[in-house]
Each structure stands twice: as structure tokens, then as C-alpha cells.
Amino acid sequence: MKIAASILAILVCLSVAAQEFTVKVTSDLVLLDVSVKNSKGGYAPGLAQDSFRVFEGGKVQTVSHFSREDVPVTVGLVLDTSGSMSPKYHQVVTAALVFIKASNPNDEIFIVNFNDNVTKGLPPDLPFSDDFPKLRAALNMAKPEGRTSLYDAVALALNHLEKGTRDKKSLIVVSDGGDNHSTHKLDEIKRMVQESRATIYTIGLFDDNDPDRNPDVLRQLSGISGGETYLPKETEEIVDICRRVASDIRARYTIGYVPPPNSDGVVRKIKVVASQSDGRKLVVHTRTSYMRPSQ
């Protein structure tokens, strides 16, 4: 589902037992995944709808949908398997498994590996899975070699996300170098991110002397989508980072509003502000812009 989707009826259905969540809308609806933390870095659960203000183009928008449930998501693990990842990949697999264990058990998960080529980790007849042994087997099959097709991998993952049945969608991108082999360009990928509902978390395992290191690209992808970028100094830190990412995905609020008309094909700037009942401001992470595809 694109960030703005036209469907015929509004129906919000929440099943507590199954933790299923579906949103259908009468008109173009912008749905935002919003992470909120206090000044000490802890999550701020239990906020009400009136704790938030949403701005588009500097103007306050009327919130028409609000949810704070831990609901299943469609999530992709986009993992660098280029040659330079060889000494780090075992730790990356361990971190990915920690992420899966800490996630909602009903998540739809898929894996994308990228080096000279971009490949899906799961078998062709299994687009998504919540089966831990199958996901573990898929992660362990990759063999690090070749160059880095980062942009092509993100493009494939964004397209594959749209095949998932969950309304909330996320990507976790792990790489130790800048792109040096893709056919896609960065501007194309940024546009795809703006048109997608995906929240992207990026993890850069860069060596200081790597001429291809490009943390700014990772920051741009996460910044546009409302995720976060992590640049650990030691590879071992990635395990705790993946655990925190899983928690962040599960703790996010969903906020929806009908955007102003006549904005197809135009990048729209977004800002979300949250405050506690005593007026204290909170730290918000959500996407900074979106683009409705031209009809």
C-alpha cells in the first residue's frame, strides 16, 4: 500500500486476540508510523490522540485516525553480503535472529541479500515467513562475496513490501560500504521511499579506512522514512541495536490524516509534535516528507 491510497470505504478493524489491524479509507489518507521518546531516551507509551499535532507544509492537519497498538508488520531484512562483510556476517546473522525473536510473532518477514546481485533469501514459493527455523536457514545460506548493490537492494525490498498484507511496513538495512554496483541511482531510491509507507532503519558497519563508506546515504534513507540510523563503532553492538529496533517498531503510534488536495507528484513536508500532559515536549521520529504518485 502506498502512503496515500484511494479505497472506497473506511473500515478500521482491530482484533485483540489476533492483533490484526486493517485500515481502508474513503479518500487519500496519509498514515504515519510515529516513534515517541522522552528526554532520557525511553519510550512514551499511552499517549492520547490529543497529545499529537501534525503539520503538512507548515499547516496543522486534522487527525482522522489514531492507534497505539502493537500490531504485526511486514518487515524486510536487507543485508549486505559483499566480500568486505565476510568477517562481520556471522555477527549480522546473530543480530538478525535476535531481531526476529524480539519482534511481534505475527510479523511477515522477508530477507534480501545484496552483493554483485540482489537476491531474496527465502525460497521462491515463500515470499514471507514468521517461521524462525526457516528464517534462520535463509540467513545462514548467504556467502559474502563481490561488490555492493545497495540501491538495487532497497528498490527490490520496497517493491516486495507492497506484496505484504500488513499495513505497517519496515525495512532494516545493514551495510558496511557505499554503493558501487547498482543500476538504480540514489535519487530514484529517495523518490521510492517518499512514495512508500516504509519506515527504514539503517545500520552502517563502516571501517574508517574504507573509501566506499557513505553514512550520509543511510541517514538520508532513514530520515525521509522516519526511521533511525545507527553507526556502531564495534560490530558486536549490532545485536543490541537490532533488539532496540524491534522494540521501536512495536512501540510506534499510527497517525492518519487526509492531506490537502492537488498535491500529486509533489514532495510534501511533514512535522509531528508530541507533548506530555504536563506540557513537556517529547522527541518524535517519523517521516519528514512523502510524495503522492501522480494519477
Protein backbone atom coordinates (compact mmCIF):
# COMPACT_ATOMS: atom_id res chain seq x y z
CA MET A 1 0.00 0.00 0.00
CA LYS A 2 1.40 3.38 -0.97
CA ILE A 3 1.47 6.07 1.69
CA ALA A 4 -1.58 7.64 0.07
CA ALA A 5 -4.06 5.05 -1.19
CA SER A 6 -7.53 5.52 -2.65
CA ILE A 7 -10.03 2.91 -1.49
CA LEU A 8 -13.83 3.01 -1.20
CA ALA A 9 -14.79 2.74 2.48
CA ILE A 10 -13.36 3.46 5.89
CA LEU A 11 -13.12 0.35 7.98
CA VAL A 12 -10.87 0.02 10.96
CA CYS A 13 -10.86 -3.49 12.35
CA LEU A 14 -8.81 -4.38 15.41
CA SER A 15 -8.74 -7.91 16.78
CA VAL A 16 -7.04 -8.01 20.18
CA ALA A 17 -6.62 -11.76 20.13
CA ALA A 18 -5.01 -11.92 16.70
CA GLN A 19 -3.55 -8.39 16.87
CA GLU A 20 -4.64 -7.82 13.28
CA PHE A 21 -5.02 -4.26 12.05
CA THR A 22 -6.56 -3.09 8.79
CA VAL A 23 -7.23 0.41 7.54
CA LYS A 24 -9.29 1.21 4.46
CA VAL A 25 -10.06 4.78 3.53
CA THR A 26 -12.57 6.83 1.56
CA SER A 27 -10.01 9.24 0.20
CA ASP A 28 -6.29 9.78 0.10
CA LEU A 29 -5.06 9.15 3.63
CA VAL A 30 -1.54 9.75 4.88
CA LEU A 31 -0.64 7.15 7.51
CA LEU A 32 2.42 7.87 9.64
CA ASP A 33 4.35 5.48 11.87
CA VAL A 34 5.48 7.61 14.80
CA SER A 35 8.10 6.79 17.43
CA VAL A 36 7.98 8.91 20.59
CA LYS A 37 10.63 9.03 23.32
CA ASN A 38 11.18 11.12 26.40
CA SER A 39 14.25 13.25 27.09
CA LYS A 40 16.06 10.25 28.59
CA GLY A 41 15.57 8.09 25.50
CA GLY A 42 12.81 5.90 26.94
CA TYR A 43 9.59 5.22 25.06
CA ALA A 44 6.48 7.27 25.83
CA PRO A 45 3.58 4.80 25.82
CA GLY A 46 -0.07 5.53 26.49
CA LEU A 47 -0.28 8.92 24.76
CA ALA A 48 -3.72 10.01 23.56
CA GLN A 49 -4.58 11.43 20.15
CA ASP A 50 -4.70 14.97 21.51
CA SER A 51 -1.04 14.62 22.57
CA PHE A 52 -0.06 14.99 18.91
CA ARG A 53 -0.10 17.79 16.37
CA VAL A 54 0.57 17.07 12.69
CA PHE A 55 1.78 19.72 10.26
CA GLU A 56 1.98 19.50 6.48
CA GLY A 57 3.55 22.42 4.68
CA GLY A 58 3.56 24.28 7.98
CA LYS A 59 -0.22 23.99 8.46
CA VAL A 60 -1.92 21.96 11.19
CA GLN A 61 -3.79 18.90 9.87
CA THR A 62 -6.85 17.21 11.36
CA VAL A 63 -6.01 13.72 12.63
CA SER A 64 -8.66 11.27 11.39
CA HIS A 65 -7.06 8.01 12.52
CA PHE A 66 -5.05 7.15 15.62
CA SER A 67 -3.77 3.85 17.02
CA ARG A 68 -1.23 2.84 19.66
CA GLU A 69 -1.50 -0.95 19.37
CA ASP A 70 1.40 -3.39 18.95
CA VAL A 71 0.29 -4.82 15.62
CA PRO A 72 2.11 -7.13 13.17
CA VAL A 73 4.13 -5.52 10.39
CA THR A 74 5.61 -6.55 7.08
CA VAL A 75 9.35 -6.21 7.54
CA GLY A 76 12.37 -6.85 5.35
CA LEU A 77 15.94 -7.57 6.45
CA VAL A 78 18.16 -6.07 3.72
CA LEU A 79 21.65 -7.41 4.33
CA ASP A 80 24.97 -6.60 2.69
CA THR A 81 26.69 -9.83 1.61
CA SER A 82 29.56 -8.23 -0.30
CA GLY A 83 33.08 -9.56 0.18
CA SER A 84 34.02 -6.97 2.80
CA MET A 85 31.23 -8.32 5.05
CA SER A 86 32.87 -11.74 5.39
CA PRO A 87 34.42 -11.18 8.87
CA LYS A 88 31.25 -9.46 10.11
CA TYR A 89 28.45 -11.55 8.63
CA HIS A 90 28.22 -14.11 11.43
CA GLN A 91 27.52 -11.28 13.89
CA VAL A 92 24.96 -9.80 11.50
CA VAL A 93 23.12 -13.13 11.33
CA THR A 94 23.11 -13.34 15.12
CA ALA A 95 21.69 -9.82 15.33
CA ALA A 96 19.04 -10.57 12.70
CA LEU A 97 17.89 -13.61 14.68
CA VAL A 98 17.72 -11.51 17.85
CA PHE A 99 15.56 -9.02 15.94
CA ILE A 100 13.19 -11.78 14.77
CA LYS A 101 12.87 -13.19 18.29
CA ALA A 102 12.09 -9.73 19.73
CA SER A 103 9.52 -8.85 17.07
CA ASN A 104 5.77 -9.42 17.02
CA PRO A 105 5.34 -13.19 16.43
CA ASN A 106 2.83 -12.50 13.65
CA ASP A 107 5.13 -10.29 11.59
CA GLU A 108 5.59 -11.10 7.89
CA ILE A 109 9.37 -11.22 7.42
CA PHE A 110 11.47 -11.48 4.27
CA ILE A 111 15.19 -11.31 3.55
CA VAL A 112 17.09 -9.54 0.77
CA ASN A 113 20.82 -10.17 0.26
CA PHE A 114 22.93 -7.90 -1.90
CA ASN A 115 26.44 -8.01 -3.38
CA ASP A 116 27.03 -8.02 -7.16
CA ASN A 117 23.50 -9.38 -7.36
CA VAL A 118 20.34 -8.82 -5.33
CA THR A 119 18.55 -11.98 -4.20
CA LYS A 120 15.69 -12.94 -1.93
CA GLY A 121 16.77 -15.16 0.94
CA LEU A 122 13.61 -17.23 1.28
CA PRO A 123 12.59 -19.88 -1.29
CA PRO A 124 10.71 -18.60 -4.37
CA ASP A 125 7.42 -20.11 -3.17
CA LEU A 126 7.73 -18.41 0.25
CA PRO A 127 7.56 -14.61 -0.10
CA PHE A 128 7.24 -14.03 3.67
CA SER A 129 7.57 -16.11 6.80
CA ASP A 130 7.14 -15.97 10.57
CA ASP A 131 8.77 -19.39 10.96
CA PHE A 132 12.00 -18.95 12.93
CA PRO A 133 13.83 -22.09 11.65
CA LYS A 134 13.09 -21.18 8.02
CA LEU A 135 14.30 -17.63 8.51
CA ARG A 136 17.42 -18.82 10.32
CA ALA A 137 18.19 -21.25 7.48
CA ALA A 138 17.74 -18.47 4.93
CA LEU A 139 20.10 -16.17 6.80
CA ASN A 140 22.77 -18.83 7.12
CA MET A 141 22.76 -19.64 3.38
CA ALA A 142 24.33 -16.36 2.26
CA LYS A 143 28.01 -16.31 1.28
CA PRO A 144 29.68 -12.87 1.43
CA GLU A 145 31.46 -12.04 -1.83
CA GLY A 146 31.57 -9.41 -4.58
CA ARG A 147 30.62 -5.73 -4.59
CA THR A 148 27.77 -3.66 -3.10
CA SER A 149 24.44 -3.12 -4.93
CA LEU A 150 22.78 -1.20 -2.10
CA TYR A 151 20.37 0.91 -4.16
CA ASP A 152 19.14 -2.06 -6.19
CA ALA A 153 18.54 -3.99 -2.97
CA VAL A 154 16.48 -1.21 -1.40
CA ALA A 155 14.44 -0.88 -4.62
CA LEU A 156 13.65 -4.60 -4.65
CA ALA A 157 12.80 -4.58 -0.94
CA LEU A 158 10.46 -1.58 -1.26
CA ASN A 159 8.61 -3.28 -4.12
CA HIS A 160 8.39 -6.56 -2.20
CA LEU A 161 6.98 -4.78 0.85
CA GLU A 162 3.91 -3.84 -1.19
CA LYS A 163 3.06 -7.54 -1.57
CA GLY A 164 2.74 -7.94 2.19
CA THR A 165 -0.67 -7.95 3.89
CA ARG A 166 0.31 -5.83 6.92
CA ASP A 167 -0.46 -2.12 6.79
CA LYS A 168 2.66 -1.16 8.75
CA LYS A 169 5.86 -1.79 6.85
CA SER A 170 9.54 -1.53 7.79
CA LEU A 171 12.99 -2.27 6.40
CA ILE A 172 16.21 -2.88 8.30
CA VAL A 173 19.19 -2.19 6.03
CA VAL A 174 22.67 -3.34 7.11
CA SER A 175 25.76 -2.42 5.07
CA ASP A 176 29.47 -1.78 5.55
CA GLY A 177 30.05 0.30 2.43
CA GLY A 178 28.63 2.73 -0.08
CA ASP A 179 27.00 1.58 -3.29
CA ASN A 180 29.45 0.66 -6.06
CA HIS A 181 27.47 -1.64 -8.37
CA SER A 182 23.77 -0.66 -8.67
CA THR A 183 21.83 0.24 -11.80
CA HIS A 184 19.45 2.40 -9.72
CA LYS A 185 20.53 5.89 -8.68
CA LEU A 186 20.15 7.45 -5.25
CA ASP A 187 17.56 9.99 -6.45
CA GLU A 188 15.38 7.14 -7.73
CA ILE A 189 15.57 5.38 -4.37
CA LYS A 190 14.75 8.54 -2.42
CA ARG A 191 11.66 9.05 -4.57
CA MET A 192 10.59 5.44 -3.97
CA VAL A 193 10.98 5.96 -0.23
CA GLN A 194 8.87 9.13 -0.37
CA GLU A 195 6.10 7.23 -2.19
CA SER A 196 6.27 4.25 0.17
CA ARG A 197 4.83 3.71 3.66
CA ALA A 198 8.05 2.00 4.74
CA THR A 199 9.92 3.06 7.86
CA ILE A 200 13.60 2.35 7.22
CA TYR A 201 16.22 1.66 9.87
CA THR A 202 19.82 1.67 8.64
CA ILE A 203 22.91 0.22 10.30
CA GLY A 204 26.35 1.13 8.97
CA LEU A 205 29.24 -1.15 9.88
CA PHE A 206 31.88 1.07 8.33
CA ASP A 207 35.64 0.74 8.53
CA ASP A 208 37.36 4.11 8.93
CA ASN A 209 39.72 3.45 6.01
CA ASP A 210 37.02 2.22 3.59
CA PRO A 211 36.96 4.57 0.55
CA ASP A 212 33.37 3.48 -0.25
CA ARG A 213 31.93 4.31 3.18
CA ASN A 214 28.94 6.62 2.84
CA PRO A 215 26.95 7.04 6.07
CA ASP A 216 25.12 10.06 4.62
CA VAL A 217 23.17 7.78 2.27
CA LEU A 218 21.98 5.68 5.20
CA ARG A 219 20.99 8.83 7.09
CA GLN A 220 19.00 10.09 4.10
CA LEU A 221 17.05 6.85 3.70
CA SER A 222 16.14 6.64 7.38
CA GLY A 223 15.49 10.38 7.68
CA ILE A 224 12.99 10.54 4.81
CA SER A 225 11.12 7.47 6.05
CA GLY A 226 11.06 8.35 9.75
CA GLY A 227 13.40 5.62 10.92
CA GLU A 228 16.82 5.90 12.51
CA THR A 229 20.45 5.37 11.52
CA TYR A 230 22.94 3.54 13.74
CA LEU A 231 26.71 3.70 13.22
CA PRO A 232 28.24 1.38 15.82
CA LYS A 233 31.96 1.55 16.47
CA GLU A 234 32.14 -2.20 17.06
CA THR A 235 30.35 -4.92 15.09
CA GLU A 236 29.22 -6.60 18.33
CA GLU A 237 26.97 -3.61 19.06
CA ILE A 238 24.64 -4.62 16.23
CA VAL A 239 22.92 -7.26 18.39
CA ASP A 240 21.68 -4.68 20.88
CA ILE A 241 20.79 -2.29 18.06
CA CYS A 242 18.56 -4.89 16.39
CA ARG A 243 16.84 -5.58 19.70
CA ARG A 244 16.17 -1.83 20.07
CA VAL A 245 14.84 -1.60 16.51
CA ALA A 246 12.38 -4.41 17.20
CA SER A 247 11.18 -2.57 20.29
CA ASP A 248 10.86 0.69 18.37
CA ILE A 249 8.71 -0.91 15.66
CA ARG A 250 6.39 -2.44 18.26
CA ALA A 251 6.08 0.81 20.25
CA ARG A 252 5.17 3.09 17.35
CA TYR A 253 1.93 5.01 17.08
CA THR A 254 -0.06 5.18 13.84
CA ILE A 255 -1.49 8.59 12.93
CA GLY A 256 -3.56 9.29 9.82
CA TYR A 257 -4.90 12.45 8.17
CA VAL A 258 -6.42 13.48 4.85
CA PRO A 259 -3.84 15.64 3.03
CA PRO A 260 -4.54 18.89 1.18
CA PRO A 261 -5.83 18.44 -2.41
CA ASN A 262 -3.90 18.93 -5.63
CA SER A 263 -0.55 17.68 -4.38
CA ASP A 264 0.06 14.68 -6.65
CA GLY A 265 3.68 14.31 -7.71
CA VAL A 266 4.83 17.00 -5.26
CA VAL A 267 7.07 16.37 -2.27
CA ARG A 268 5.13 17.33 0.85
CA LYS A 269 6.93 18.26 4.08
CA ILE A 270 5.67 16.77 7.36
CA LYS A 271 6.28 17.55 11.02
CA VAL A 272 4.76 15.80 14.03
CA VAL A 273 4.95 17.28 17.54
CA ALA A 274 4.07 15.37 20.71
CA SER A 275 3.81 16.56 24.29
CA GLN A 276 3.03 15.04 27.66
CA SER A 277 0.00 16.05 29.73
CA ASP A 278 2.19 18.44 31.71
CA GLY A 279 3.25 20.16 28.50
CA ARG A 280 6.76 18.75 28.28
CA LYS A 281 7.88 18.12 24.71
CA LEU A 282 8.81 14.65 23.54
CA VAL A 283 11.26 13.51 20.86
CA VAL A 284 9.42 12.33 17.73
CA HIS A 285 10.73 10.20 14.87
CA THR A 286 8.51 9.96 11.79
CA ARG A 287 8.92 10.58 8.09
CA THR A 288 9.81 14.14 7.11
CA SER A 289 8.22 14.06 3.67
CA TYR A 290 6.11 12.00 1.30
CA MET A 291 5.01 12.09 -2.30
CA ARG A 292 1.66 11.04 -3.70
CA PRO A 293 2.19 9.35 -7.08
CA SER A 294 0.70 11.31 -9.98
CA GLN A 295 -2.62 9.82 -11.06
